């Protein structure tokens, strides 16, 4: 994993669904940028298709979904399915926001690497991404 230390980690921060609150997403985006990552922020009201298309165009390593609207059980599996269809299995997906504890297991089964609930320390998020991002050019076992 030496190569990942030299590589700028590219993170797409997205606000899917009809949620109109983006302060948390902007705080996360700034914290990741301050940690030396390249951050692409998509803005509000993104569809799963828009998010995956942006991730594809920007060649990101990580997608961070910020969801406060309660629509995570519909949106997240759709994003994961679109990533699979586009052979983007190496993209790390993390979710932040208001996610009830009873929904966490299903989101992880869908392929989400981590769920960060309110109050998670920024350093914990940065460390998790650095520790789990996948290097490019390494064939994934399928």
N, C-alpha and C. Protein backbone atom coordinates (compact mmCIF):
# COMPACT_ATOMS: atom_id res chain seq x y z
N UNK A 1 0.82 -1.21 0.00
CA UNK A 1 0.00 0.00 0.00
C UNK A 1 0.86 1.27 0.00
N UNK A 2 2.14 1.16 -0.25
CA UNK A 2 3.01 2.34 -0.29
C UNK A 2 2.51 3.35 -1.30
N UNK A 3 2.08 2.85 -2.46
CA UNK A 3 1.69 3.74 -3.56
C UNK A 3 0.54 4.66 -3.17
N UNK A 4 -0.39 4.18 -2.32
CA UNK A 4 -1.54 5.01 -1.96
C UNK A 4 -1.12 6.22 -1.13
N UNK A 5 -0.03 6.10 -0.41
CA UNK A 5 0.43 7.21 0.42
C UNK A 5 0.83 8.40 -0.45
N UNK A 6 1.40 8.12 -1.64
CA UNK A 6 1.85 9.18 -2.55
C UNK A 6 0.70 9.71 -3.40
N UNK A 7 -0.31 8.91 -3.56
CA UNK A 7 -1.42 9.24 -4.44
C UNK A 7 -2.40 10.17 -3.75
N UNK A 8 -2.91 11.15 -4.51
CA UNK A 8 -3.97 11.99 -3.96
C UNK A 8 -5.28 11.22 -4.02
N UNK A 9 -5.87 11.00 -2.88
CA UNK A 9 -7.15 10.28 -2.83
C UNK A 9 -8.24 11.23 -3.32
N UNK A 10 -9.01 10.77 -4.30
CA UNK A 10 -10.09 11.58 -4.87
C UNK A 10 -11.42 11.11 -4.29
N UNK A 11 -12.14 12.05 -3.69
CA UNK A 11 -13.39 11.74 -3.01
C UNK A 11 -14.53 12.56 -3.62
N UNK A 12 -15.60 11.87 -3.96
CA UNK A 12 -16.81 12.55 -4.41
C UNK A 12 -17.77 12.62 -3.22
N UNK A 13 -18.13 13.83 -2.82
CA UNK A 13 -19.10 14.01 -1.74
C UNK A 13 -20.42 14.40 -2.38
N UNK A 14 -21.47 13.61 -2.12
CA UNK A 14 -22.75 13.82 -2.79
C UNK A 14 -23.90 13.88 -1.80
N UNK A 15 -24.90 14.65 -2.15
CA UNK A 15 -26.14 14.78 -1.36
C UNK A 15 -27.28 14.24 -2.21
N UNK A 16 -27.56 12.94 -2.09
CA UNK A 16 -28.63 12.37 -2.90
C UNK A 16 -30.02 12.69 -2.36
N UNK A 17 -31.00 12.59 -3.22
CA UNK A 17 -32.38 12.72 -2.79
C UNK A 17 -32.83 14.17 -2.63
N UNK A 18 -33.92 14.35 -1.93
CA UNK A 18 -34.55 15.66 -1.83
C UNK A 18 -34.12 16.44 -0.60
N UNK A 19 -33.10 15.96 0.07
CA UNK A 19 -32.58 16.58 1.27
C UNK A 19 -31.98 17.95 0.92
N UNK A 20 -32.41 18.99 1.61
CA UNK A 20 -31.91 20.33 1.30
C UNK A 20 -30.85 20.86 2.24
N UNK A 21 -30.35 20.03 3.13
CA UNK A 21 -29.36 20.49 4.11
C UNK A 21 -27.98 19.97 3.75
N UNK A 22 -27.05 20.90 3.46
CA UNK A 22 -25.73 20.44 3.03
C UNK A 22 -24.59 20.95 3.89
N UNK A 23 -24.89 21.52 5.05
CA UNK A 23 -23.80 22.03 5.89
C UNK A 23 -22.85 20.91 6.30
N UNK A 24 -23.42 19.76 6.72
CA UNK A 24 -22.58 18.63 7.12
C UNK A 24 -21.69 18.15 5.99
N UNK A 25 -22.27 18.05 4.79
CA UNK A 25 -21.48 17.60 3.63
C UNK A 25 -20.34 18.57 3.34
N UNK A 26 -20.61 19.87 3.48
CA UNK A 26 -19.57 20.87 3.23
C UNK A 26 -18.48 20.81 4.30
N UNK A 27 -18.87 20.55 5.55
CA UNK A 27 -17.89 20.41 6.64
C UNK A 27 -16.98 19.21 6.37
N UNK A 28 -17.60 18.09 5.97
CA UNK A 28 -16.82 16.88 5.64
C UNK A 28 -15.89 17.16 4.46
N UNK A 29 -16.43 17.79 3.41
CA UNK A 29 -15.62 18.09 2.23
C UNK A 29 -14.40 18.92 2.62
N UNK A 30 -14.60 19.92 3.46
CA UNK A 30 -13.48 20.78 3.88
C UNK A 30 -12.47 19.98 4.71
N UNK A 31 -12.96 19.13 5.61
CA UNK A 31 -12.05 18.34 6.45
C UNK A 31 -11.21 17.39 5.59
N UNK A 32 -11.84 16.76 4.59
CA UNK A 32 -11.09 15.84 3.72
C UNK A 32 -10.07 16.61 2.89
N UNK A 33 -10.46 17.80 2.42
CA UNK A 33 -9.54 18.64 1.66
C UNK A 33 -8.36 19.05 2.53
N UNK A 34 -8.66 19.45 3.78
CA UNK A 34 -7.60 19.84 4.71
C UNK A 34 -6.65 18.67 4.99
N UNK A 35 -7.17 17.44 4.87
CA UNK A 35 -6.35 16.24 5.10
C UNK A 35 -5.56 15.86 3.84
N UNK A 36 -5.64 16.68 2.80
CA UNK A 36 -4.84 16.44 1.61
C UNK A 36 -5.54 15.66 0.51
N UNK A 37 -6.83 15.42 0.65
CA UNK A 37 -7.56 14.69 -0.38
C UNK A 37 -8.14 15.68 -1.39
N UNK A 38 -8.35 15.17 -2.59
CA UNK A 38 -9.01 15.97 -3.61
C UNK A 38 -10.50 15.71 -3.48
N UNK A 39 -11.29 16.75 -3.32
CA UNK A 39 -12.72 16.57 -3.07
C UNK A 39 -13.54 17.20 -4.18
N UNK A 40 -14.48 16.44 -4.70
CA UNK A 40 -15.44 16.94 -5.68
C UNK A 40 -16.79 16.93 -4.96
N UNK A 41 -17.40 18.09 -4.83
CA UNK A 41 -18.71 18.17 -4.17
C UNK A 41 -19.78 18.38 -5.23
N UNK A 42 -20.76 17.49 -5.27
CA UNK A 42 -21.76 17.53 -6.35
C UNK A 42 -22.90 18.51 -6.10
N UNK A 43 -23.07 18.94 -4.87
CA UNK A 43 -24.21 19.80 -4.59
C UNK A 43 -25.44 18.99 -4.21
N UNK A 44 -26.55 19.68 -4.06
CA UNK A 44 -27.79 19.08 -3.55
C UNK A 44 -28.57 18.32 -4.62
N UNK A 45 -29.48 17.47 -4.14
CA UNK A 45 -30.51 16.80 -4.93
C UNK A 45 -29.96 16.00 -6.11
N UNK A 46 -29.00 15.15 -5.81
CA UNK A 46 -28.38 14.30 -6.83
C UNK A 46 -29.10 12.96 -6.91
N UNK A 47 -29.31 12.47 -8.11
CA UNK A 47 -29.87 11.13 -8.27
C UNK A 47 -28.71 10.13 -8.21
N UNK A 48 -29.00 8.86 -7.91
CA UNK A 48 -27.93 7.86 -7.95
C UNK A 48 -27.19 7.86 -9.30
N UNK A 49 -27.94 8.04 -10.40
CA UNK A 49 -27.32 8.07 -11.73
C UNK A 49 -26.34 9.24 -11.86
N UNK A 50 -26.74 10.42 -11.38
CA UNK A 50 -25.86 11.58 -11.44
C UNK A 50 -24.59 11.35 -10.62
N UNK A 51 -24.76 10.74 -9.46
CA UNK A 51 -23.62 10.50 -8.56
C UNK A 51 -22.62 9.54 -9.20
N UNK A 52 -23.13 8.43 -9.74
CA UNK A 52 -22.23 7.44 -10.34
C UNK A 52 -21.58 7.99 -11.61
N UNK A 53 -22.33 8.74 -12.42
CA UNK A 53 -21.74 9.36 -13.61
C UNK A 53 -20.62 10.32 -13.23
N UNK A 54 -20.84 11.13 -12.19
CA UNK A 54 -19.81 12.06 -11.74
C UNK A 54 -18.59 11.30 -11.22
N UNK A 55 -18.84 10.21 -10.48
CA UNK A 55 -17.73 9.40 -9.95
C UNK A 55 -16.90 8.80 -11.09
N UNK A 56 -17.60 8.38 -12.13
CA UNK A 56 -16.93 7.79 -13.30
C UNK A 56 -16.09 8.85 -14.01
N UNK A 57 -16.68 10.01 -14.26
CA UNK A 57 -15.98 11.10 -14.97
C UNK A 57 -14.79 11.61 -14.17
N UNK A 58 -14.94 11.68 -12.87
CA UNK A 58 -13.89 12.25 -12.01
C UNK A 58 -12.87 11.20 -11.57
N UNK A 59 -13.09 9.94 -11.91
CA UNK A 59 -12.19 8.84 -11.56
C UNK A 59 -11.86 8.84 -10.06
N UNK A 60 -12.92 8.84 -9.24
CA UNK A 60 -12.72 8.93 -7.80
C UNK A 60 -12.41 7.57 -7.18
N UNK A 61 -11.78 7.62 -6.01
CA UNK A 61 -11.50 6.42 -5.22
C UNK A 61 -12.59 6.16 -4.21
N UNK A 62 -13.28 7.25 -3.80
CA UNK A 62 -14.25 7.18 -2.71
C UNK A 62 -15.50 7.98 -3.08
N UNK A 63 -16.67 7.43 -2.72
CA UNK A 63 -17.91 8.20 -2.79
C UNK A 63 -18.42 8.32 -1.36
N UNK A 64 -18.65 9.54 -0.94
CA UNK A 64 -19.24 9.81 0.37
C UNK A 64 -20.64 10.33 0.16
N UNK A 65 -21.63 9.59 0.63
CA UNK A 65 -23.02 10.01 0.50
C UNK A 65 -23.48 10.60 1.83
N UNK A 66 -24.01 11.80 1.79
CA UNK A 66 -24.53 12.44 2.99
C UNK A 66 -26.04 12.44 2.89
N UNK A 67 -26.70 11.68 3.78
CA UNK A 67 -28.15 11.51 3.68
C UNK A 67 -28.81 11.80 5.02
N UNK A 68 -29.69 12.79 5.02
CA UNK A 68 -30.43 13.13 6.22
C UNK A 68 -31.92 12.87 6.03
N UNK A 69 -32.33 12.57 4.80
CA UNK A 69 -33.75 12.55 4.44
C UNK A 69 -34.47 11.26 4.79
N UNK A 70 -33.70 10.21 5.15
CA UNK A 70 -34.34 8.93 5.43
C UNK A 70 -34.49 8.06 4.19
N UNK A 71 -33.99 8.52 3.06
CA UNK A 71 -34.15 7.76 1.81
C UNK A 71 -32.98 6.82 1.54
N UNK A 72 -32.12 6.61 2.54
CA UNK A 72 -30.90 5.81 2.34
C UNK A 72 -31.20 4.37 1.89
N UNK A 73 -32.29 3.77 2.37
CA UNK A 73 -32.59 2.38 2.00
C UNK A 73 -32.95 2.23 0.53
N UNK A 74 -33.38 3.31 -0.11
CA UNK A 74 -33.67 3.28 -1.55
C UNK A 74 -32.46 3.74 -2.36
N UNK A 75 -31.83 4.80 -1.91
CA UNK A 75 -30.76 5.43 -2.69
C UNK A 75 -29.47 4.61 -2.68
N UNK A 76 -29.04 4.17 -1.51
CA UNK A 76 -27.73 3.50 -1.41
C UNK A 76 -27.67 2.21 -2.24
N UNK A 77 -28.65 1.31 -2.14
CA UNK A 77 -28.58 0.10 -2.97
C UNK A 77 -28.55 0.42 -4.47
N UNK A 78 -29.24 1.49 -4.88
CA UNK A 78 -29.23 1.90 -6.30
C UNK A 78 -27.84 2.38 -6.71
N UNK A 79 -27.20 3.16 -5.87
CA UNK A 79 -25.83 3.62 -6.15
C UNK A 79 -24.90 2.41 -6.27
N UNK A 80 -25.03 1.47 -5.34
CA UNK A 80 -24.16 0.28 -5.35
C UNK A 80 -24.38 -0.53 -6.63
N UNK A 81 -25.63 -0.67 -7.05
CA UNK A 81 -25.96 -1.41 -8.27
C UNK A 81 -25.36 -0.73 -9.51
N UNK A 82 -25.47 0.59 -9.58
CA UNK A 82 -24.91 1.34 -10.71
C UNK A 82 -23.38 1.24 -10.74
N UNK A 83 -22.75 1.26 -9.57
CA UNK A 83 -21.29 1.10 -9.51
C UNK A 83 -20.90 -0.26 -10.08
N UNK A 84 -21.65 -1.30 -9.68
CA UNK A 84 -21.38 -2.66 -10.16
C UNK A 84 -21.55 -2.72 -11.69
N UNK A 85 -22.63 -2.13 -12.19
CA UNK A 85 -22.88 -2.14 -13.64
C UNK A 85 -21.74 -1.45 -14.41
N UNK A 86 -21.15 -0.44 -13.80
CA UNK A 86 -20.06 0.30 -14.45
C UNK A 86 -18.68 -0.26 -14.11
N UNK A 87 -18.65 -1.45 -13.50
CA UNK A 87 -17.40 -2.12 -13.12
C UNK A 87 -16.52 -1.21 -12.26
N UNK A 88 -17.17 -0.53 -11.31
CA UNK A 88 -16.46 0.38 -10.40
C UNK A 88 -16.42 -0.23 -9.00
N UNK A 89 -16.13 -1.53 -8.94
CA UNK A 89 -16.13 -2.24 -7.66
C UNK A 89 -15.01 -1.77 -6.74
N UNK A 90 -14.02 -1.06 -7.29
CA UNK A 90 -12.89 -0.62 -6.47
C UNK A 90 -13.18 0.71 -5.76
N UNK A 91 -14.36 1.30 -6.00
CA UNK A 91 -14.70 2.57 -5.35
C UNK A 91 -15.23 2.30 -3.95
N UNK A 92 -14.61 2.93 -2.97
CA UNK A 92 -15.03 2.80 -1.57
C UNK A 92 -16.25 3.70 -1.35
N UNK A 93 -17.32 3.14 -0.79
CA UNK A 93 -18.53 3.94 -0.54
C UNK A 93 -18.73 4.06 0.96
N UNK A 94 -18.84 5.32 1.43
CA UNK A 94 -19.14 5.58 2.83
C UNK A 94 -20.40 6.45 2.88
N UNK A 95 -21.15 6.28 3.95
CA UNK A 95 -22.40 7.03 4.12
C UNK A 95 -22.35 7.76 5.45
N UNK A 96 -22.80 9.01 5.42
CA UNK A 96 -22.89 9.78 6.64
C UNK A 96 -24.26 10.38 6.76
N UNK A 97 -24.65 10.68 7.99
CA UNK A 97 -25.94 11.34 8.19
C UNK A 97 -26.78 10.63 9.23
N UNK A 98 -28.08 10.83 9.10
CA UNK A 98 -29.01 10.27 10.06
C UNK A 98 -29.40 8.87 9.57
N UNK A 99 -28.69 7.87 10.05
CA UNK A 99 -28.95 6.49 9.64
C UNK A 99 -29.32 5.71 10.91
N UNK A 100 -30.57 5.24 10.99
CA UNK A 100 -30.96 4.46 12.18
C UNK A 100 -30.11 3.20 12.31
N UNK A 101 -29.78 2.86 13.56
CA UNK A 101 -28.93 1.68 13.82
C UNK A 101 -29.46 0.42 13.13
N UNK A 102 -30.79 0.26 13.07
CA UNK A 102 -31.34 -0.97 12.48
C UNK A 102 -31.12 -1.06 10.96
N UNK A 103 -30.73 0.05 10.32
CA UNK A 103 -30.51 0.03 8.87
C UNK A 103 -29.05 -0.22 8.50
N UNK A 104 -28.15 -0.11 9.46
CA UNK A 104 -26.71 -0.19 9.17
C UNK A 104 -26.32 -1.53 8.56
N UNK A 105 -26.80 -2.61 9.13
CA UNK A 105 -26.39 -3.93 8.64
C UNK A 105 -26.76 -4.13 7.16
N UNK A 106 -27.98 -3.73 6.77
CA UNK A 106 -28.39 -3.88 5.37
C UNK A 106 -27.57 -3.01 4.43
N UNK A 107 -27.20 -1.81 4.87
CA UNK A 107 -26.37 -0.94 4.04
C UNK A 107 -24.98 -1.57 3.84
N UNK A 108 -24.45 -2.17 4.90
CA UNK A 108 -23.14 -2.83 4.79
C UNK A 108 -23.24 -4.05 3.87
N UNK A 109 -24.36 -4.80 3.98
CA UNK A 109 -24.56 -5.95 3.07
C UNK A 109 -24.63 -5.50 1.62
N UNK A 110 -25.15 -4.28 1.39
CA UNK A 110 -25.25 -3.74 0.03
C UNK A 110 -23.87 -3.32 -0.50
N UNK A 111 -22.88 -3.25 0.41
CA UNK A 111 -21.53 -2.92 -0.04
C UNK A 111 -20.94 -1.64 0.53
N UNK A 112 -21.68 -0.96 1.40
CA UNK A 112 -21.16 0.26 2.02
C UNK A 112 -20.03 -0.12 2.98
N UNK A 113 -18.91 0.58 2.89
CA UNK A 113 -17.75 0.26 3.72
C UNK A 113 -17.92 0.75 5.15
N UNK A 114 -18.57 1.91 5.32
CA UNK A 114 -18.73 2.46 6.67
C UNK A 114 -19.89 3.44 6.70
N UNK A 115 -20.50 3.54 7.87
CA UNK A 115 -21.56 4.50 8.10
C UNK A 115 -21.10 5.40 9.25
N UNK A 116 -21.10 6.71 8.99
CA UNK A 116 -20.68 7.68 10.00
C UNK A 116 -21.89 8.46 10.45
N UNK A 117 -22.26 8.27 11.71
CA UNK A 117 -23.42 8.96 12.25
C UNK A 117 -23.00 10.30 12.84
N UNK A 118 -23.97 11.17 13.14
CA UNK A 118 -23.61 12.48 13.70
C UNK A 118 -22.71 12.32 14.93
N UNK A 119 -21.72 13.20 15.02
CA UNK A 119 -20.81 13.15 16.16
C UNK A 119 -19.52 12.39 15.89
N UNK A 120 -19.44 11.72 14.73
CA UNK A 120 -18.19 11.02 14.38
C UNK A 120 -17.08 12.06 14.21
N UNK A 121 -15.92 11.81 14.79
CA UNK A 121 -14.79 12.73 14.66
C UNK A 121 -14.28 12.73 13.22
N UNK A 122 -13.96 13.93 12.73
CA UNK A 122 -13.44 14.06 11.35
C UNK A 122 -12.20 13.19 11.15
N UNK A 123 -11.34 13.15 12.16
CA UNK A 123 -10.11 12.35 12.07
C UNK A 123 -10.44 10.87 11.84
N UNK A 124 -11.51 10.39 12.47
CA UNK A 124 -11.90 8.99 12.29
C UNK A 124 -12.29 8.72 10.84
N UNK A 125 -12.99 9.67 10.24
CA UNK A 125 -13.41 9.51 8.83
C UNK A 125 -12.19 9.53 7.92
N UNK A 126 -11.30 10.50 8.14
CA UNK A 126 -10.07 10.61 7.34
C UNK A 126 -9.25 9.32 7.45
N UNK A 127 -9.05 8.85 8.67
CA UNK A 127 -8.25 7.63 8.89
C UNK A 127 -8.90 6.42 8.23
N UNK A 128 -10.22 6.31 8.34
CA UNK A 128 -10.92 5.18 7.74
C UNK A 128 -10.70 5.18 6.22
N UNK A 129 -10.86 6.33 5.59
CA UNK A 129 -10.69 6.41 4.13
C UNK A 129 -9.26 6.04 3.75
N UNK A 130 -8.29 6.63 4.45
CA UNK A 130 -6.88 6.33 4.13
C UNK A 130 -6.57 4.84 4.28
N UNK A 131 -7.15 4.21 5.30
CA UNK A 131 -6.86 2.80 5.59
C UNK A 131 -7.56 1.86 4.62
N UNK A 132 -8.67 2.30 4.01
CA UNK A 132 -9.50 1.37 3.23
C UNK A 132 -9.59 1.65 1.74
N UNK A 133 -9.06 2.80 1.30
CA UNK A 133 -9.13 3.11 -0.13
C UNK A 133 -8.33 2.08 -0.90
N UNK A 134 -8.81 1.70 -2.07
CA UNK A 134 -8.17 0.65 -2.86
C UNK A 134 -7.30 1.27 -3.96
N UNK A 135 -6.08 0.76 -4.10
CA UNK A 135 -5.21 1.28 -5.17
C UNK A 135 -5.76 0.90 -6.54
N UNK A 136 -5.50 1.73 -7.53
CA UNK A 136 -5.94 1.46 -8.89
C UNK A 136 -4.94 0.57 -9.61
N UNK A 137 -5.42 -0.06 -10.66
CA UNK A 137 -4.53 -0.87 -11.48
C UNK A 137 -4.28 -2.25 -10.90
N UNK A 138 -4.87 -2.53 -9.75
CA UNK A 138 -4.72 -3.85 -9.17
C UNK A 138 -6.01 -4.62 -9.50
N UNK A 139 -5.91 -5.71 -10.23
CA UNK A 139 -7.13 -6.41 -10.61
C UNK A 139 -7.88 -6.90 -9.37
N UNK A 140 -9.19 -6.68 -9.37
CA UNK A 140 -9.98 -7.16 -8.23
C UNK A 140 -10.47 -8.56 -8.56
N UNK A 141 -10.51 -9.39 -7.56
CA UNK A 141 -11.00 -10.76 -7.76
C UNK A 141 -12.49 -10.70 -8.01
N UNK A 142 -12.95 -11.32 -9.10
CA UNK A 142 -14.40 -11.27 -9.35
C UNK A 142 -14.98 -12.63 -9.46
